């Protein structure tokens, strides 16, 4: 994570780390380059580790923990983290923090209530991820979950009036084709399958999760653009709603079992690792993604798919066949093409003497949203003005 410099500035304020003294241009460029590659490493590890850790925790022998309790605990920890960050914003003044929260949460209750919709969807999405990863191999889930790029793009066009280039539309078609091939391989796979694994339920869960991720991410972005609240305030409000809605879901789905066996039944160090990854992973990515451009994030997603596949072969005995490799390759290529900035697309089109001219974004149109592992948008510094982040992994 970036070191905070004088006046609460982060290493992101400028090309390199901000401190009391000025940096030489060469060292600034070198520091910025290092931060980009650190961001790439963090994004790859977080994207892959969450899926692999959930899969590992759900396939361990012995008592199986309740997924609904893990969702609630992640919301609680995330909310507490945001509260601490807001406390740091107020320079440790409890009175100022209480007055700020009273004004932002209670007095401006209309803004608070607007977050009930995305919070409900995110809570549903987090529970669906457990269902999907329980019933699908980690590598298959990782590839199929990239459909969230498609759903986010479609909702951005419908709700935010964004335009996509021809290359981006082609990459979305390529993405859909790759996912379809992977699912065809999964349906026709002849290898051994655990008795409690239902690929149909897993596919339905991951598709529903992608739809909810796309809608909630774009909806939350629309809310953030129309308000002055910091991202940590918005995430605290989401955490409050998420905890309450998660408890309702827990009571509805597994209330009797949790009451008889305990809230933390089946919790192991691996389960706590999953909870911590879910709680802090998205917030951490929101910070480091500031240093990563679209291409770097595309590489991070692609590398995380490769890493998940390799780890699944080693950890879970996943069988890699040519059909899966083809589908995964199409998805990786689609992610990279979609993440290309408009300037790079124009350069590619100009460099090709015989190729068709690609459609460029009309003047005045905002660029596509930059998404993290949870579908988040980041634009602001870390402290004291904090990241504007669209939640949703």
Protein backbone atom coordinates (compact mmCIF):
# COMPACT_ATOMS: atom_id res chain seq x y z
CA UNK A 1 0.00 0.00 0.00
CA UNK A 2 1.24 3.50 -0.78
CA UNK A 3 2.99 5.46 1.93
CA UNK A 4 1.22 8.63 3.04
CA UNK A 5 3.33 11.75 2.62
CA UNK A 6 3.08 15.24 3.98
CA UNK A 7 -0.45 16.48 4.46
CA UNK A 8 -1.96 13.05 3.95
CA UNK A 9 -0.95 12.75 0.31
CA UNK A 10 -0.33 9.34 -1.09
CA UNK A 11 2.33 8.04 -3.39
CA UNK A 12 -0.29 8.38 -6.10
CA UNK A 13 -0.33 12.14 -5.90
CA UNK A 14 1.96 12.72 -8.83
CA UNK A 15 3.97 10.20 -10.77
CA UNK A 16 5.93 8.95 -7.75
CA UNK A 17 5.93 8.96 -3.95
CA UNK A 18 5.18 12.33 -2.40
CA UNK A 19 7.43 13.50 0.41
CA UNK A 20 8.78 16.73 1.85
CA UNK A 21 11.50 16.93 -0.79
CA UNK A 22 11.20 16.98 -4.56
CA UNK A 23 12.08 13.90 -6.58
CA UNK A 24 14.31 13.86 -9.60
CA UNK A 25 12.44 13.16 -12.87
CA UNK A 26 14.28 9.88 -13.41
CA UNK A 27 13.53 8.58 -9.93
CA UNK A 28 9.90 9.70 -10.26
CA UNK A 29 9.52 7.67 -13.44
CA UNK A 30 11.22 4.67 -11.84
CA UNK A 31 9.01 4.90 -8.75
CA UNK A 32 5.89 5.13 -10.89
CA UNK A 33 6.98 2.10 -12.90
CA UNK A 34 7.60 0.11 -9.70
CA UNK A 35 4.17 1.06 -8.37
CA UNK A 36 2.55 -0.10 -11.61
CA UNK A 37 4.15 -3.52 -11.37
CA UNK A 38 3.34 -3.78 -7.67
CA UNK A 39 -0.26 -2.96 -8.59
CA UNK A 40 -0.20 -5.69 -11.24
CA UNK A 41 1.08 -8.25 -8.72
CA UNK A 42 -1.52 -7.29 -6.11
CA UNK A 43 -4.36 -7.43 -8.65
CA UNK A 44 -3.28 -10.85 -9.93
CA UNK A 45 -2.90 -12.32 -6.45
CA UNK A 46 -6.19 -10.88 -5.17
CA UNK A 47 -8.20 -11.94 -8.23
CA UNK A 48 -6.90 -15.50 -8.12
CA UNK A 49 -6.54 -16.01 -4.37
CA UNK A 50 -10.16 -15.19 -3.48
CA UNK A 51 -11.57 -17.81 -5.85
CA UNK A 52 -8.95 -20.42 -4.97
CA UNK A 53 -9.34 -19.83 -1.22
CA UNK A 54 -13.14 -20.14 -1.37
CA UNK A 55 -12.85 -23.31 -3.45
CA UNK A 56 -10.27 -24.73 -1.05
CA UNK A 57 -12.32 -23.88 2.05
CA UNK A 58 -15.49 -25.38 0.54
CA UNK A 59 -13.80 -28.66 -0.44
CA UNK A 60 -11.92 -29.36 2.80
CA UNK A 61 -12.98 -32.55 4.59
CA UNK A 62 -14.86 -32.13 7.85
CA UNK A 63 -17.54 -29.68 8.93
CA UNK A 64 -18.53 -27.19 6.23
CA UNK A 65 -18.99 -23.60 7.38
CA UNK A 66 -22.16 -21.64 6.61
CA UNK A 67 -21.55 -19.36 3.62
CA UNK A 68 -24.12 -16.84 4.87
CA UNK A 69 -22.12 -16.26 8.07
CA UNK A 70 -18.96 -15.64 6.04
CA UNK A 71 -20.79 -13.01 3.98
CA UNK A 72 -21.99 -11.26 7.16
CA UNK A 73 -18.52 -11.31 8.74
CA UNK A 74 -16.95 -9.85 5.58
CA UNK A 75 -19.47 -6.98 5.66
CA UNK A 76 -18.80 -6.34 9.36
CA UNK A 77 -15.02 -6.24 8.88
CA UNK A 78 -15.31 -4.05 5.79
CA UNK A 79 -17.58 -1.61 7.62
CA UNK A 80 -15.21 -1.42 10.60
CA UNK A 81 -12.27 -0.79 8.26
CA UNK A 82 -14.10 2.09 6.55
CA UNK A 83 -15.03 3.49 9.96
CA UNK A 84 -11.36 3.50 10.99
CA UNK A 85 -10.41 5.25 7.74
CA UNK A 86 -13.06 7.92 8.33
CA UNK A 87 -11.72 8.27 11.89
CA UNK A 88 -8.27 8.88 10.38
CA UNK A 89 -9.79 11.49 8.06
CA UNK A 90 -11.09 13.37 11.10
CA UNK A 91 -7.59 13.30 12.62
CA UNK A 92 -8.72 11.06 15.47
CA UNK A 93 -11.41 13.46 16.69
CA UNK A 94 -14.31 11.31 17.91
CA UNK A 95 -16.71 14.26 18.21
CA UNK A 96 -16.11 15.36 14.63
CA UNK A 97 -16.57 11.78 13.41
CA UNK A 98 -19.88 11.37 15.28
CA UNK A 99 -21.21 14.69 13.97
CA UNK A 100 -20.08 13.81 10.45
CA UNK A 101 -21.76 10.39 10.52
CA UNK A 102 -24.96 11.85 12.02
CA UNK A 103 -25.13 14.41 9.21
CA UNK A 104 -24.17 12.00 6.41
CA UNK A 105 -26.14 8.93 7.48
CA UNK A 106 -29.17 10.20 9.41
CA UNK A 107 -29.81 13.80 8.33
CA UNK A 108 -29.16 12.99 4.65
CA UNK A 109 -31.18 9.79 4.96
CA UNK A 110 -32.37 9.93 1.35
CA UNK A 111 -28.79 9.41 0.10
CA UNK A 112 -28.36 6.62 2.62
CA UNK A 113 -31.52 4.83 1.51
CA UNK A 114 -30.37 4.97 -2.12
CA UNK A 115 -27.61 2.53 -1.19
CA UNK A 116 -30.09 -0.09 0.01
CA UNK A 117 -30.58 -1.31 -3.58
CA UNK A 118 -26.91 -1.97 -4.47
CA UNK A 119 -26.29 -3.33 -0.97
CA UNK A 120 -29.08 -5.88 -1.40
CA UNK A 121 -27.67 -6.90 -4.78
CA UNK A 122 -24.10 -7.15 -3.50
CA UNK A 123 -25.20 -9.32 -0.57
CA UNK A 124 -27.03 -11.61 -2.99
CA UNK A 125 -24.00 -11.62 -5.30
CA UNK A 126 -21.60 -12.61 -2.50
CA UNK A 127 -23.82 -15.53 -1.53
CA UNK A 128 -24.14 -16.58 -5.18
CA UNK A 129 -20.35 -16.68 -5.50
CA UNK A 130 -20.17 -19.31 -2.77
CA UNK A 131 -22.82 -21.38 -4.55
CA UNK A 132 -21.02 -21.05 -7.90
CA UNK A 133 -17.53 -21.86 -6.60
CA UNK A 134 -18.85 -24.80 -4.60
CA UNK A 135 -20.37 -26.33 -7.74
CA UNK A 136 -17.75 -25.37 -10.36
CA UNK A 137 -13.99 -25.91 -10.62
CA UNK A 138 -12.09 -22.75 -9.66
CA UNK A 139 -10.64 -22.32 -13.17
CA UNK A 140 -14.06 -22.73 -14.80
CA UNK A 141 -15.60 -20.20 -12.42
CA UNK A 142 -12.76 -17.72 -13.02
CA UNK A 143 -13.26 -17.87 -16.80
CA UNK A 144 -17.06 -17.78 -16.67
CA UNK A 145 -17.08 -14.92 -14.15
CA UNK A 146 -15.50 -12.65 -16.77
CA UNK A 147 -19.05 -12.33 -18.16
CA UNK A 148 -19.31 -9.49 -15.63
CA UNK A 149 -17.38 -7.40 -18.21
CA UNK A 150 -20.18 -8.04 -20.69
CA UNK A 151 -22.98 -7.25 -18.24
CA UNK A 152 -21.22 -4.12 -16.94
CA UNK A 153 -20.69 -2.86 -20.49
CA UNK A 154 -24.32 -3.44 -21.42
CA UNK A 155 -25.65 -1.72 -18.29
CA UNK A 156 -23.21 1.18 -18.90
CA UNK A 157 -24.64 1.64 -22.38
CA UNK A 158 -28.24 1.43 -21.14
CA UNK A 159 -27.96 3.40 -17.89
CA UNK A 160 -25.06 5.83 -18.48
CA UNK A 161 -25.41 6.33 -22.26
CA UNK A 162 -21.85 5.24 -22.89
CA UNK A 163 -20.66 4.25 -26.34
CA UNK A 164 -18.42 1.30 -27.16
CA UNK A 165 -16.04 1.03 -30.08
CA UNK A 166 -16.41 -1.71 -32.68
CA UNK A 167 -13.36 -3.41 -31.20
CA UNK A 168 -15.00 -3.47 -27.78
CA UNK A 169 -18.22 -4.92 -29.19
CA UNK A 170 -16.15 -7.54 -31.01
CA UNK A 171 -14.25 -8.34 -27.81
CA UNK A 172 -17.54 -8.82 -25.94
CA UNK A 173 -18.68 -11.26 -28.61
CA UNK A 174 -15.34 -13.04 -28.32
CA UNK A 175 -15.76 -13.13 -24.54
CA UNK A 176 -19.21 -14.70 -24.79
CA UNK A 177 -17.92 -17.29 -27.28
CA UNK A 178 -15.03 -18.23 -25.01
CA UNK A 179 -17.28 -18.65 -21.98
CA UNK A 180 -19.70 -20.75 -24.03
CA UNK A 181 -16.86 -23.06 -25.08
CA UNK A 182 -15.68 -23.44 -21.48
CA UNK A 183 -19.20 -24.29 -20.33
CA UNK A 184 -19.61 -26.78 -23.18
CA UNK A 185 -16.39 -28.45 -22.02
CA UNK A 186 -17.69 -28.47 -18.45
CA UNK A 187 -21.01 -30.03 -19.47
CA UNK A 188 -19.36 -32.68 -21.64
CA UNK A 189 -16.42 -33.41 -19.33
CA UNK A 190 -15.83 -37.08 -18.70
CA UNK A 191 -13.57 -36.74 -15.67
CA UNK A 192 -14.61 -37.60 -12.11
CA UNK A 193 -16.93 -35.12 -10.44
CA UNK A 194 -17.74 -34.83 -6.71
CA UNK A 195 -21.16 -36.18 -5.84
CA UNK A 196 -22.24 -32.92 -4.17
CA UNK A 197 -21.22 -30.79 -7.18
CA UNK A 198 -23.97 -29.52 -9.50
CA UNK A 199 -22.53 -27.73 -12.58
CA UNK A 200 -25.99 -26.53 -13.64
CA UNK A 201 -26.55 -24.80 -10.31
CA UNK A 202 -23.02 -23.40 -10.46
CA UNK A 203 -23.57 -21.94 -13.94
CA UNK A 204 -26.91 -20.40 -12.95
CA UNK A 205 -25.30 -18.88 -9.85
CA UNK A 206 -22.34 -17.37 -11.72
CA UNK A 207 -24.56 -15.90 -14.46
CA UNK A 208 -26.87 -14.37 -11.84
CA UNK A 209 -23.80 -13.06 -10.01
CA UNK A 210 -22.48 -11.44 -13.21
CA UNK A 211 -25.85 -9.81 -13.93
CA UNK A 212 -26.09 -8.45 -10.39
CA UNK A 213 -22.46 -7.30 -10.47
CA UNK A 214 -22.97 -5.38 -13.71
CA UNK A 215 -26.17 -3.67 -12.63
CA UNK A 216 -25.08 -2.84 -9.10
CA UNK A 217 -21.69 -1.53 -10.20
CA UNK A 218 -23.18 0.85 -12.76
CA UNK A 219 -25.99 1.87 -10.39
CA UNK A 220 -23.46 2.62 -7.64
CA UNK A 221 -21.32 4.62 -10.07
CA UNK A 222 -24.37 6.70 -10.94
CA UNK A 223 -24.98 7.38 -7.25
CA UNK A 224 -21.35 8.33 -6.63
CA UNK A 225 -21.33 10.78 -9.53
CA UNK A 226 -24.34 12.57 -8.05
CA UNK A 227 -23.01 12.88 -4.50
CA UNK A 228 -20.06 14.38 -2.65
CA UNK A 229 -19.61 11.58 -0.11
CA UNK A 230 -16.23 9.85 0.05
CA UNK A 231 -15.91 6.24 -1.01
CA UNK A 232 -15.27 5.10 2.56
CA UNK A 233 -18.48 6.75 3.76
CA UNK A 234 -20.40 5.03 0.94
CA UNK A 235 -18.77 1.69 1.73
CA UNK A 236 -19.58 2.14 5.43
CA UNK A 237 -23.23 2.74 4.50
CA UNK A 238 -23.13 -0.30 2.22
CA UNK A 239 -21.60 -2.30 5.05
CA UNK A 240 -24.42 -1.32 7.42
CA UNK A 241 -27.06 -2.37 4.93
CA UNK A 242 -25.04 -5.42 3.91
CA UNK A 243 -24.73 -6.65 7.48
CA UNK A 244 -28.45 -6.23 8.13
CA UNK A 245 -29.48 -7.83 4.83
CA UNK A 246 -26.91 -10.59 5.29
CA UNK A 247 -28.41 -11.43 8.69
CA UNK A 248 -31.85 -11.58 7.11
CA UNK A 249 -30.53 -13.93 4.43
CA UNK A 250 -28.80 -16.03 7.06
CA UNK A 251 -32.03 -16.35 9.05
CA UNK A 252 -34.03 -17.24 5.94
CA UNK A 253 -31.61 -19.75 4.41
CA UNK A 254 -29.73 -21.31 7.32
CA UNK A 255 -31.24 -19.81 10.47
CA UNK A 256 -32.19 -23.09 12.13
CA UNK A 257 -28.83 -24.73 11.44
CA UNK A 258 -26.86 -21.69 12.61
CA UNK A 259 -28.95 -21.47 15.79
CA UNK A 260 -28.30 -25.12 16.64
CA UNK A 261 -24.63 -25.39 15.59
CA UNK A 262 -23.34 -21.86 16.16
CA UNK A 263 -22.46 -18.84 14.04
CA UNK A 264 -18.81 -19.86 13.67
CA UNK A 265 -19.48 -23.56 13.07
CA UNK A 266 -16.88 -25.06 10.75
CA UNK A 267 -14.60 -22.01 10.85
CA UNK A 268 -10.92 -22.85 10.29
CA UNK A 269 -7.91 -20.65 9.50
CA UNK A 270 -8.70 -21.21 5.81
CA UNK A 271 -12.25 -19.90 6.30
CA UNK A 272 -10.98 -16.83 8.16
CA UNK A 273 -8.59 -16.27 5.26
CA UNK A 274 -11.57 -16.22 2.88
CA UNK A 275 -13.45 -13.76 5.09
CA UNK A 276 -10.45 -11.43 5.37
CA UNK A 277 -9.82 -11.64 1.62
CA UNK A 278 -13.42 -10.71 0.86
CA UNK A 279 -13.46 -7.90 3.41
CA UNK A 280 -10.14 -6.24 2.64
CA UNK A 281 -9.35 -7.46 -0.86
CA UNK A 282 -11.70 -5.10 -2.67
CA UNK A 283 -10.64 -2.13 -0.53
CA UNK A 284 -6.97 -2.92 -1.14
CA UNK A 285 -7.50 -3.24 -4.88
CA UNK A 286 -9.33 0.10 -4.82
CA UNK A 287 -6.13 1.69 -3.55
CA UNK A 288 -3.57 -0.03 -5.76
CA UNK A 289 -5.66 0.08 -8.95
CA UNK A 290 -5.03 3.84 -9.00
CA UNK A 291 -1.58 3.06 -10.38
CA UNK A 292 -2.80 0.58 -13.01
CA UNK A 293 -4.07 1.57 -16.43
CA UNK A 294 -6.63 -0.39 -18.45
CA UNK A 295 -4.03 -2.52 -20.20
CA UNK A 296 -2.35 -3.43 -16.91
CA UNK A 297 -5.70 -4.41 -15.41
CA UNK A 298 -6.42 -6.51 -18.49
CA UNK A 299 -3.11 -8.26 -18.02
CA UNK A 300 -3.92 -8.78 -14.32
CA UNK A 301 -7.23 -10.45 -15.13
CA UNK A 302 -5.61 -12.63 -17.78
CA UNK A 303 -2.75 -13.65 -15.52
CA UNK A 304 -5.17 -14.43 -12.68
CA UNK A 305 -7.06 -16.82 -14.98
CA UNK A 306 -3.81 -18.56 -15.87
CA UNK A 307 -2.76 -18.66 -12.21
CA UNK A 308 -6.13 -20.07 -11.13
CA UNK A 309 -5.95 -22.76 -13.81
CA UNK A 310 -2.41 -23.82 -12.88
CA UNK A 311 -3.24 -23.80 -9.17
CA UNK A 312 -6.43 -25.80 -9.81
CA UNK A 313 -4.41 -28.47 -11.61
CA UNK A 314 -2.02 -28.71 -8.66
CA UNK A 315 -4.49 -28.34 -5.79
CA UNK A 316 -7.74 -29.85 -7.04
CA UNK A 317 -6.69 -32.23 -9.82
CA UNK A 318 -8.32 -30.07 -12.51
CA UNK A 319 -8.00 -31.61 -16.00
CA UNK A 320 -6.96 -29.13 -18.70
CA UNK A 321 -8.17 -30.23 -22.12
CA UNK A 322 -7.89 -28.47 -25.52
CA UNK A 323 -11.50 -27.24 -25.46
CA UNK A 324 -11.05 -25.50 -22.11
CA UNK A 325 -7.72 -24.05 -23.26
CA UNK A 326 -9.39 -22.65 -26.40
CA UNK A 327 -12.25 -21.07 -24.46
CA UNK A 328 -9.96 -19.64 -21.80
CA UNK A 329 -7.65 -18.25 -24.50
CA UNK A 330 -10.57 -16.48 -26.18
CA UNK A 331 -11.64 -14.98 -22.86
CA UNK A 332 -8.10 -13.79 -22.07
CA UNK A 333 -7.81 -12.22 -25.53
CA UNK A 334 -11.22 -10.57 -25.19
CA UNK A 335 -10.34 -9.09 -21.79
CA UNK A 336 -7.13 -7.64 -23.21
CA UNK A 337 -8.82 -6.19 -26.31
CA UNK A 338 -11.64 -4.65 -24.28
CA UNK A 339 -9.16 -3.00 -21.92
CA UNK A 340 -7.22 -1.26 -24.71
CA UNK A 341 -7.56 2.54 -24.36
CA UNK A 342 -9.16 4.42 -27.23
CA UNK A 343 -5.85 6.03 -28.17
CA UNK A 344 -4.21 2.63 -28.61
CA UNK A 345 -7.12 1.46 -30.75
CA UNK A 346 -6.70 4.52 -32.98
CA UNK A 347 -2.98 3.86 -33.28
CA UNK A 348 -3.59 0.23 -34.23
CA UNK A 349 -6.12 1.29 -36.85
CA UNK A 350 -3.76 3.91 -38.30
CA UNK A 351 -0.83 1.48 -38.43
CA UNK A 352 -2.80 -1.05 -40.46
CA UNK A 353 -2.72 -0.03 -44.12
CA UNK A 354 -5.22 -2.65 -45.24
CA UNK A 355 -7.31 -3.01 -42.10
CA UNK A 356 -10.68 -1.29 -41.61
CA UNK A 357 -10.85 1.95 -39.67
CA UNK A 358 -12.16 1.29 -36.16
CA UNK A 359 -14.94 3.40 -34.73
CA UNK A 360 -13.63 5.92 -32.19
CA UNK A 361 -15.39 7.29 -29.15
CA UNK A 362 -17.32 10.48 -29.96
CA UNK A 363 -15.94 13.68 -28.38
CA UNK A 364 -17.29 14.38 -24.94
CA UNK A 365 -18.15 10.77 -24.16
CA UNK A 366 -16.64 9.48 -20.89
CA UNK A 367 -14.36 6.43 -21.11
CA UNK A 368 -15.64 3.01 -20.01
CA UNK A 369 -15.59 2.37 -16.26
CA UNK A 370 -12.30 1.02 -14.90
CA UNK A 371 -13.19 -2.07 -12.89
CA UNK A 372 -11.34 -3.85 -10.17
CA UNK A 373 -11.94 -7.64 -9.03
CA UNK A 374 -15.10 -6.51 -7.50
CA UNK A 375 -16.23 -4.25 -10.36
CA UNK A 376 -15.09 -1.04 -8.73
CA UNK A 377 -14.36 2.47 -10.14
CA UNK A 378 -11.47 4.45 -8.64
CA UNK A 379 -10.73 8.10 -9.25
CA UNK A 380 -9.80 9.92 -6.03
CA UNK A 381 -6.67 9.94 -3.84
CA UNK A 382 -6.49 7.76 -0.73
CA UNK A 383 -6.33 10.27 2.16
CA UNK A 384 -7.73 12.73 3.04
CA UNK A 385 -9.92 12.81 -0.11
CA UNK A 386 -10.51 9.16 -0.70
CA UNK A 387 -11.08 6.86 -3.62
CA UNK A 388 -14.36 7.02 -5.48
CA UNK A 389 -14.93 3.28 -5.82
CA UNK A 390 -17.75 1.32 -7.34
CA UNK A 391 -18.07 -1.82 -5.28
CA UNK A 392 -19.07 -5.22 -6.50
CA UNK A 393 -16.37 -9.00 -7.08
